[in-house]
């Protein structure tokens, strides 16, 4: 039985299909059926219009994941089907740091999606290995190739690398919150207190996971993002 906040993610294959609703109503029904019963709330819906080109470019997925991070919601994908073999899509889900469920594959969850991502990545690595083998064979035949440009991080730099990752994660979180601040401003919030109230109303937790925003916390996010833009 579903509980808590959810964000729905739908896919349509063309812009025309998206306008006509072909397939979209069925996906919405699948999500509704999955959420049937229980104490749940649908806090956002995002529809990706796929063109068949640049399938790894999914701005609506990124927006849906951002909404999940901001509100602590679970992402529910209406239609996974062939995306189960799309490594980029699966890795985006795996690395997003949000809970994940799937309407058309009820047994799929964060763990199984992670396993799918590993398998898809393994397939990519096999292809990469075959490419390297082919290049090695070409070199034996006398074909001139470029040198290896790989880089192994020295062990004494590991701490710096870890700190960099934490900084990047904090920056990503601040960027997500800033987008909500911009929306609050657009809705008429002018003071830091009004913006804080808007963030509380949206159910967005503070950087430390609290439920109540203070003006000083809002200012810190604004200074971090707007200061970076001016730097």
C-alpha atoms as a PDB file:
ATOM      1  CA  UNK A   1       0.000   0.000   0.000  1.00  0.00           C
ATOM      2  CA  UNK A   2       1.497   3.328  -1.089  1.00  0.00           C
ATOM      3  CA  UNK A   3       2.178   6.002   1.524  1.00  0.00           C
ATOM      4  CA  UNK A   4       3.867   9.395   1.576  1.00  0.00           C
ATOM      5  CA  UNK A   5       4.611  11.888  -1.175  1.00  0.00           C
ATOM      6  CA  UNK A   6       5.057  10.808  -4.799  1.00  0.00           C
ATOM      7  CA  UNK A   7       6.132  12.452  -8.063  1.00  0.00           C
ATOM      8  CA  UNK A   8       4.896  10.842 -11.295  1.00  0.00           C
ATOM      9  CA  UNK A   9       7.016  10.574 -14.455  1.00  0.00           C
ATOM     10  CA  UNK A  10       5.331   9.840 -17.801  1.00  0.00           C
ATOM     11  CA  UNK A  11       6.765   9.318 -21.300  1.00  0.00           C
ATOM     12  CA  UNK A  12       5.237   9.911 -24.719  1.00  0.00           C
ATOM     13  CA  UNK A  13       7.102   9.183 -27.929  1.00  0.00           C
ATOM     14  CA  UNK A  14       6.297  12.396 -29.814  1.00  0.00           C
ATOM     15  CA  UNK A  15       5.085  15.921 -29.117  1.00  0.00           C
ATOM     16  CA  UNK A  16       1.905  15.116 -31.084  1.00  0.00           C
ATOM     17  CA  UNK A  17       1.238  12.102 -28.899  1.00  0.00           C
ATOM     18  CA  UNK A  18       1.786  14.271 -25.848  1.00  0.00           C
ATOM     19  CA  UNK A  19      -0.802  16.803 -27.014  1.00  0.00           C
ATOM     20  CA  UNK A  20      -3.331  14.161 -27.993  1.00  0.00           C
ATOM     21  CA  UNK A  21      -2.940  12.279 -24.736  1.00  0.00           C
ATOM     22  CA  UNK A  22      -2.482   8.987 -26.616  1.00  0.00           C
ATOM     23  CA  UNK A  23      -0.948   6.616 -24.106  1.00  0.00           C
ATOM     24  CA  UNK A  24      -0.771   9.299 -21.436  1.00  0.00           C
ATOM     25  CA  UNK A  25      -4.185   8.542 -19.947  1.00  0.00           C
ATOM     26  CA  UNK A  26      -3.208   4.888 -19.636  1.00  0.00           C
ATOM     27  CA  UNK A  27      -0.013   5.864 -17.820  1.00  0.00           C
ATOM     28  CA  UNK A  28      -1.898   8.127 -15.439  1.00  0.00           C
ATOM     29  CA  UNK A  29      -4.322   5.277 -14.748  1.00  0.00           C
ATOM     30  CA  UNK A  30      -1.397   2.930 -14.080  1.00  0.00           C
ATOM     31  CA  UNK A  31      -0.009   5.387 -11.538  1.00  0.00           C
ATOM     32  CA  UNK A  32      -3.438   5.851  -9.932  1.00  0.00           C
ATOM     33  CA  UNK A  33      -3.906   2.075  -9.731  1.00  0.00           C
ATOM     34  CA  UNK A  34      -0.487   1.672  -8.127  1.00  0.00           C
ATOM     35  CA  UNK A  35      -1.204   4.383  -5.559  1.00  0.00           C
ATOM     36  CA  UNK A  36      -4.744   3.146  -4.870  1.00  0.00           C
ATOM     37  CA  UNK A  37      -5.413   3.073  -1.159  1.00  0.00           C
ATOM     38  CA  UNK A  38      -3.083   4.187   1.601  1.00  0.00           C
ATOM     39  CA  UNK A  39      -2.094   7.625   2.834  1.00  0.00           C
ATOM     40  CA  UNK A  40      -0.310   9.167  -0.174  1.00  0.00           C
ATOM     41  CA  UNK A  41      -0.034  12.521  -1.951  1.00  0.00           C
ATOM     42  CA  UNK A  42       0.915  13.183  -5.589  1.00  0.00           C
ATOM     43  CA  UNK A  43       3.012  16.366  -5.369  1.00  0.00           C
ATOM     44  CA  UNK A  44       4.106  16.585  -9.009  1.00  0.00           C
ATOM     45  CA  UNK A  45       3.626  15.166 -12.515  1.00  0.00           C
ATOM     46  CA  UNK A  46       6.174  15.399 -15.345  1.00  0.00           C
ATOM     47  CA  UNK A  47       5.718  14.267 -18.953  1.00  0.00           C
ATOM     48  CA  UNK A  48       8.749  13.624 -21.188  1.00  0.00           C
ATOM     49  CA  UNK A  49       8.195  14.066 -24.926  1.00  0.00           C
ATOM     50  CA  UNK A  50      10.701  11.754 -26.620  1.00  0.00           C
ATOM     51  CA  UNK A  51      11.633  12.410 -30.235  1.00  0.00           C
ATOM     52  CA  UNK A  52      13.665   9.278 -30.917  1.00  0.00           C
ATOM     53  CA  UNK A  53      16.807  11.419 -31.013  1.00  0.00           C
ATOM     54  CA  UNK A  54      19.078  12.163 -28.061  1.00  0.00           C
ATOM     55  CA  UNK A  55      17.258   9.615 -25.910  1.00  0.00           C
ATOM     56  CA  UNK A  56      19.668  10.251 -23.030  1.00  0.00           C
ATOM     57  CA  UNK A  57      18.560  13.905 -22.804  1.00  0.00           C
ATOM     58  CA  UNK A  58      15.608  13.859 -20.402  1.00  0.00           C
ATOM     59  CA  UNK A  59      14.998  17.311 -18.877  1.00  0.00           C
ATOM     60  CA  UNK A  60      11.646  16.293 -17.399  1.00  0.00           C
ATOM     61  CA  UNK A  61      13.268  13.359 -15.597  1.00  0.00           C
ATOM     62  CA  UNK A  62      15.845  15.733 -14.109  1.00  0.00           C
ATOM     63  CA  UNK A  63      13.042  18.083 -13.036  1.00  0.00           C
ATOM     64  CA  UNK A  64      11.072  15.201 -11.501  1.00  0.00           C
ATOM     65  CA  UNK A  65      14.114  14.008  -9.551  1.00  0.00           C
ATOM     66  CA  UNK A  66      14.752  17.554  -8.346  1.00  0.00           C
ATOM     67  CA  UNK A  67      11.161  17.740  -7.079  1.00  0.00           C
ATOM     68  CA  UNK A  68      11.685  14.432  -5.261  1.00  0.00           C
ATOM     69  CA  UNK A  69      14.861  15.696  -3.597  1.00  0.00           C
ATOM     70  CA  UNK A  70      13.195  18.944  -2.581  1.00  0.00           C
ATOM     71  CA  UNK A  71      10.098  17.350  -1.062  1.00  0.00           C
ATOM     72  CA  UNK A  72      11.412  13.949   0.018  1.00  0.00           C
ATOM     73  CA  UNK A  73       8.987  12.287  -2.391  1.00  0.00           C
ATOM     74  CA  UNK A  74       9.241   8.910  -4.115  1.00  0.00           C
ATOM     75  CA  UNK A  75       9.533   8.919  -7.908  1.00  0.00           C
ATOM     76  CA  UNK A  76       6.954   6.713  -9.624  1.00  0.00           C
ATOM     77  CA  UNK A  77       7.604   5.890 -13.274  1.00  0.00           C
ATOM     78  CA  UNK A  78       4.438   4.934 -15.116  1.00  0.00           C
ATOM     79  CA  UNK A  79       6.108   3.011 -17.924  1.00  0.00           C
ATOM     80  CA  UNK A  80       9.580   1.521 -17.641  1.00  0.00           C
ATOM     81  CA  UNK A  81       9.477  -1.176 -20.390  1.00  0.00           C
ATOM     82  CA  UNK A  82      12.407  -0.664 -22.795  1.00  0.00           C
ATOM     83  CA  UNK A  83      14.123   1.851 -20.507  1.00  0.00           C
ATOM     84  CA  UNK A  84      15.246  -1.161 -18.468  1.00  0.00           C
ATOM     85  CA  UNK A  85      18.071  -1.482 -21.024  1.00  0.00           C
ATOM     86  CA  UNK A  86      18.932   2.224 -21.176  1.00  0.00           C
ATOM     87  CA  UNK A  87      22.106   2.564 -19.112  1.00  0.00           C
ATOM     88  CA  UNK A  88      22.055   6.369 -18.984  1.00  0.00           C
ATOM     89  CA  UNK A  89      18.449   6.442 -17.744  1.00  0.00           C
ATOM     90  CA  UNK A  90      19.056   3.751 -15.129  1.00  0.00           C
ATOM     91  CA  UNK A  91      22.243   5.370 -13.862  1.00  0.00           C
ATOM     92  CA  UNK A  92      20.459   8.696 -13.544  1.00  0.00           C
ATOM     93  CA  UNK A  93      17.889   7.000 -11.308  1.00  0.00           C
ATOM     94  CA  UNK A  94      20.509   5.037  -9.409  1.00  0.00           C
ATOM     95  CA  UNK A  95      22.630   8.095  -8.634  1.00  0.00           C
ATOM     96  CA  UNK A  96      19.780  10.536  -7.957  1.00  0.00           C
ATOM     97  CA  UNK A  97      19.511   9.711  -4.271  1.00  0.00           C
ATOM     98  CA  UNK A  98      15.720   9.352  -4.324  1.00  0.00           C
ATOM     99  CA  UNK A  99      13.341   6.459  -3.689  1.00  0.00           C
ATOM    100  CA  UNK A 100      11.942   4.891  -6.847  1.00  0.00           C
ATOM    101  CA  UNK A 101       8.986   2.681  -7.793  1.00  0.00           C
ATOM    102  CA  UNK A 102       7.561   1.573 -11.110  1.00  0.00           C
ATOM    103  CA  UNK A 103       3.893   1.125 -12.044  1.00  0.00           C
ATOM    104  CA  UNK A 104       4.354  -1.403 -14.860  1.00  0.00           C
ATOM    105  CA  UNK A 105       7.037  -3.407 -12.981  1.00  0.00           C
ATOM    106  CA  UNK A 106       5.795  -3.516  -9.367  1.00  0.00           C
ATOM    107  CA  UNK A 107       8.743  -5.609  -8.204  1.00  0.00           C
ATOM    108  CA  UNK A 108      11.237  -3.041  -9.497  1.00  0.00           C
ATOM    109  CA  UNK A 109      12.659  -0.737  -6.845  1.00  0.00           C
ATOM    110  CA  UNK A 110      15.851   1.144  -6.094  1.00  0.00           C
ATOM    111  CA  UNK A 111      17.747  -2.133  -5.586  1.00  0.00           C
ATOM    112  CA  UNK A 112      16.585  -3.846  -8.774  1.00  0.00           C
ATOM    113  CA  UNK A 113      17.081  -0.676 -10.814  1.00  0.00           C
ATOM    114  CA  UNK A 114      20.624  -0.570  -9.465  1.00  0.00           C
ATOM    115  CA  UNK A 115      21.151  -4.153 -10.622  1.00  0.00           C
ATOM    116  CA  UNK A 116      19.727  -3.287 -14.041  1.00  0.00           C
ATOM    117  CA  UNK A 117      22.121  -0.348 -14.200  1.00  0.00           C
ATOM    118  CA  UNK A 118      25.050  -2.625 -13.378  1.00  0.00           C
ATOM    119  CA  UNK A 119      24.039  -5.058 -16.123  1.00  0.00           C
ATOM    120  CA  UNK A 120      23.531  -2.260 -18.643  1.00  0.00           C
ATOM    121  CA  UNK A 121      26.898  -0.764 -17.703  1.00  0.00           C
ATOM    122  CA  UNK A 122      28.510  -4.198 -18.011  1.00  0.00           C
ATOM    123  CA  UNK A 123      27.142  -4.437 -21.530  1.00  0.00           C
ATOM    124  CA  UNK A 124      28.618  -1.008 -22.309  1.00  0.00           C
ATOM    125  CA  UNK A 125      31.978  -2.104 -20.896  1.00  0.00           C
ATOM    126  CA  UNK A 126      31.952  -5.236 -23.049  1.00  0.00           C
ATOM    127  CA  UNK A 127      31.395  -3.061 -26.096  1.00  0.00           C
ATOM    128  CA  UNK A 128      34.208  -0.771 -24.954  1.00  0.00           C
ATOM    129  CA  UNK A 129      36.525  -3.756 -24.464  1.00  0.00           C
ATOM    130  CA  UNK A 130      35.754  -5.038 -27.945  1.00  0.00           C
ATOM    131  CA  UNK A 131      36.570  -1.580 -29.274  1.00  0.00           C
ATOM    132  CA  UNK A 132      39.928  -1.560 -27.462  1.00  0.00           C
ATOM    133  CA  UNK A 133      40.690  -5.030 -28.774  1.00  0.00           C
ATOM    134  CA  UNK A 134      39.916  -3.878 -32.293  1.00  0.00           C
ATOM    135  CA  UNK A 135      42.202  -0.850 -31.866  1.00  0.00           C
ATOM    136  CA  UNK A 136      44.982  -3.087 -30.536  1.00  0.00           C
ATOM    137  CA  UNK A 137      44.618  -5.353 -33.550  1.00  0.00           C
ATOM    138  CA  UNK A 138      44.749  -2.309 -35.811  1.00  0.00           C
ATOM    139  CA  UNK A 139      47.950  -1.150 -34.120  1.00  0.00           C
ATOM    140  CA  UNK A 140      49.530  -4.543 -34.748  1.00  0.00           C
ATOM    141  CA  UNK A 141      48.669  -4.087 -38.407  1.00  0.00           C
ATOM    142  CA  UNK A 142      50.589  -0.806 -38.397  1.00  0.00           C
ATOM    143  CA  UNK A 143      47.725   1.657 -38.000  1.00  0.00           C
ATOM    144  CA  UNK A 144      48.894   4.760 -36.057  1.00  0.00           C
ATOM    145  CA  UNK A 145      46.828   5.295 -32.921  1.00  0.00           C
ATOM    146  CA  UNK A 146      46.765   7.938 -30.170  1.00  0.00           C
ATOM    147  CA  UNK A 147      48.277   7.201 -26.774  1.00  0.00           C
ATOM    148  CA  UNK A 148      46.416   6.278 -23.592  1.00  0.00           C
ATOM    149  CA  UNK A 149      45.377   9.367 -21.630  1.00  0.00           C
ATOM    150  CA  UNK A 150      43.985   7.717 -18.532  1.00  0.00           C
ATOM    151  CA  UNK A 151      44.717   9.142 -15.091  1.00  0.00           C
ATOM    152  CA  UNK A 152      44.790   7.334 -11.762  1.00  0.00           C
ATOM    153  CA  UNK A 153      44.130   9.533  -8.755  1.00  0.00           C
ATOM    154  CA  UNK A 154      47.053   9.379  -6.253  1.00  0.00           C
ATOM    155  CA  UNK A 155      46.021   8.005  -2.869  1.00  0.00           C
ATOM    156  CA  UNK A 156      47.053  11.196  -1.042  1.00  0.00           C
ATOM    157  CA  UNK A 157      44.484  13.116  -3.110  1.00  0.00           C
ATOM    158  CA  UNK A 158      41.587  10.867  -2.052  1.00  0.00           C
ATOM    159  CA  UNK A 159      40.555  13.131   0.834  1.00  0.00           C
ATOM    160  CA  UNK A 160      40.512  16.166  -1.442  1.00  0.00           C
ATOM    161  CA  UNK A 161      38.429  14.252  -3.978  1.00  0.00           C
ATOM    162  CA  UNK A 162      35.952  13.212  -1.271  1.00  0.00           C
ATOM    163  CA  UNK A 163      35.629  16.803  -0.066  1.00  0.00           C
ATOM    164  CA  UNK A 164      35.049  17.936  -3.631  1.00  0.00           C
ATOM    165  CA  UNK A 165      32.212  15.416  -4.014  1.00  0.00           C
ATOM    166  CA  UNK A 166      30.557  16.667  -0.819  1.00  0.00           C
ATOM    167  CA  UNK A 167      30.878  20.264  -1.999  1.00  0.00           C
ATOM    168  CA  UNK A 168      29.346  19.392  -5.362  1.00  0.00           C
ATOM    169  CA  UNK A 169      26.441  17.600  -3.653  1.00  0.00           C
ATOM    170  CA  UNK A 170      25.808  20.619  -1.427  1.00  0.00           C
ATOM    171  CA  UNK A 171      25.918  22.894  -4.465  1.00  0.00           C
ATOM    172  CA  UNK A 172      23.431  20.667  -6.315  1.00  0.00           C
ATOM    173  CA  UNK A 173      21.083  20.749  -3.327  1.00  0.00           C
ATOM    174  CA  UNK A 174      21.377  24.552  -3.098  1.00  0.00           C
ATOM    175  CA  UNK A 175      20.612  24.842  -6.812  1.00  0.00           C
ATOM    176  CA  UNK A 176      17.468  22.745  -6.363  1.00  0.00           C
ATOM    177  CA  UNK A 177      16.299  24.912  -3.464  1.00  0.00           C
ATOM    178  CA  UNK A 178      17.147  28.096  -5.367  1.00  0.00           C
ATOM    179  CA  UNK A 179      14.805  27.024  -8.173  1.00  0.00           C
ATOM    180  CA  UNK A 180      12.012  26.847  -5.586  1.00  0.00           C
ATOM    181  CA  UNK A 181      13.031  30.280  -4.282  1.00  0.00           C
ATOM    182  CA  UNK A 182      12.736  31.697  -7.800  1.00  0.00           C
ATOM    183  CA  UNK A 183       9.245  30.185  -8.065  1.00  0.00           C
ATOM    184  CA  UNK A 184       8.296  31.739  -4.721  1.00  0.00           C
ATOM    185  CA  UNK A 185       9.512  35.134  -5.888  1.00  0.00           C
ATOM    186  CA  UNK A 186       7.500  34.744  -9.071  1.00  0.00           C
ATOM    187  CA  UNK A 187       4.425  34.023  -6.956  1.00  0.00           C
ATOM    188  CA  UNK A 188       4.862  37.306  -5.085  1.00  0.00           C
ATOM    189  CA  UNK A 189       7.173  36.518  -2.157  1.00  0.00           C
ATOM    190  CA  UNK A 190       9.461  39.522  -1.639  1.00  0.00           C
ATOM    191  CA  UNK A 191      10.983  39.083   1.816  1.00  0.00           C
ATOM    192  CA  UNK A 192      13.178  36.310   3.172  1.00  0.00           C
ATOM    193  CA  UNK A 193      10.445  35.421   5.676  1.00  0.00           C
ATOM    194  CA  UNK A 194       7.860  35.105   2.909  1.00  0.00           C
ATOM    195  CA  UNK A 195      10.196  32.897   0.881  1.00  0.00           C
ATOM    196  CA  UNK A 196      10.868  30.752   3.966  1.00  0.00           C
ATOM    197  CA  UNK A 197       7.121  30.338   4.457  1.00  0.00           C
ATOM    198  CA  UNK A 198       6.736  29.319   0.802  1.00  0.00           C
ATOM    199  CA  UNK A 199       9.446  26.654   1.167  1.00  0.00           C
ATOM    200  CA  UNK A 200       7.716  25.317   4.274  1.00  0.00           C
ATOM    201  CA  UNK A 201       4.381  25.202   2.439  1.00  0.00           C
ATOM    202  CA  UNK A 202       6.014  23.207  -0.380  1.00  0.00           C
ATOM    203  CA  UNK A 203       7.311  20.671   2.145  1.00  0.00           C
ATOM    204  CA  UNK A 204      10.943  21.309   1.210  1.00  0.00           C
ATOM    205  CA  UNK A 205      13.302  20.321   4.048  1.00  0.00           C
ATOM    206  CA  UNK A 206      16.165  22.546   5.181  1.00  0.00           C
ATOM    207  CA  UNK A 207      19.812  21.639   4.374  1.00  0.00           C
ATOM    208  CA  UNK A 208      19.951  19.744   7.683  1.00  0.00           C
ATOM    209  CA  UNK A 209      16.652  17.987   7.076  1.00  0.00           C
ATOM    210  CA  UNK A 210      14.454  20.185   9.241  1.00  0.00           C
ATOM    211  CA  UNK A 211      10.903  21.177   8.370  1.00  0.00           C
ATOM    212  CA  UNK A 212      11.042  24.864   9.339  1.00  0.00           C
ATOM    213  CA  UNK A 213      12.985  27.381   7.242  1.00  0.00           C
ATOM    214  CA  UNK A 214      14.414  30.553   8.770  1.00  0.00           C
ATOM    215  CA  UNK A 215      15.196  33.769   6.896  1.00  0.00           C
ATOM    216  CA  UNK A 216      18.936  33.311   7.512  1.00  0.00           C
ATOM    217  CA  UNK A 217      18.855  29.877   5.835  1.00  0.00           C
ATOM    218  CA  UNK A 218      17.077  31.294   2.792  1.00  0.00           C
ATOM    219  CA  UNK A 219      19.668  34.078   2.579  1.00  0.00           C
ATOM    220  CA  UNK A 220      22.497  31.529   2.739  1.00  0.00           C
ATOM    221  CA  UNK A 221      21.097  29.658  -0.274  1.00  0.00           C
ATOM    222  CA  UNK A 222      20.568  32.876  -2.239  1.00  0.00           C
ATOM    223  CA  UNK A 223      24.072  34.134  -1.430  1.00  0.00           C
ATOM    224  CA  UNK A 224      25.599  30.803  -2.415  1.00  0.00           C
ATOM    225  CA  UNK A 225      23.936  30.655  -5.838  1.00  0.00           C
ATOM    226  CA  UNK A 226      23.840  34.329  -6.766  1.00  0.00           C
ATOM    227  CA  UNK A 227      27.344  34.857  -5.402  1.00  0.00           C
ATOM    228  CA  UNK A 228      28.620  32.016  -7.609  1.00  0.00           C
ATOM    229  CA  UNK A 229      27.001  33.630 -10.653  1.00  0.00           C
ATOM    230  CA  UNK A 230      28.808  36.906  -9.960  1.00  0.00           C
ATOM    231  CA  UNK A 231      32.176  35.253  -9.293  1.00  0.00           C
END
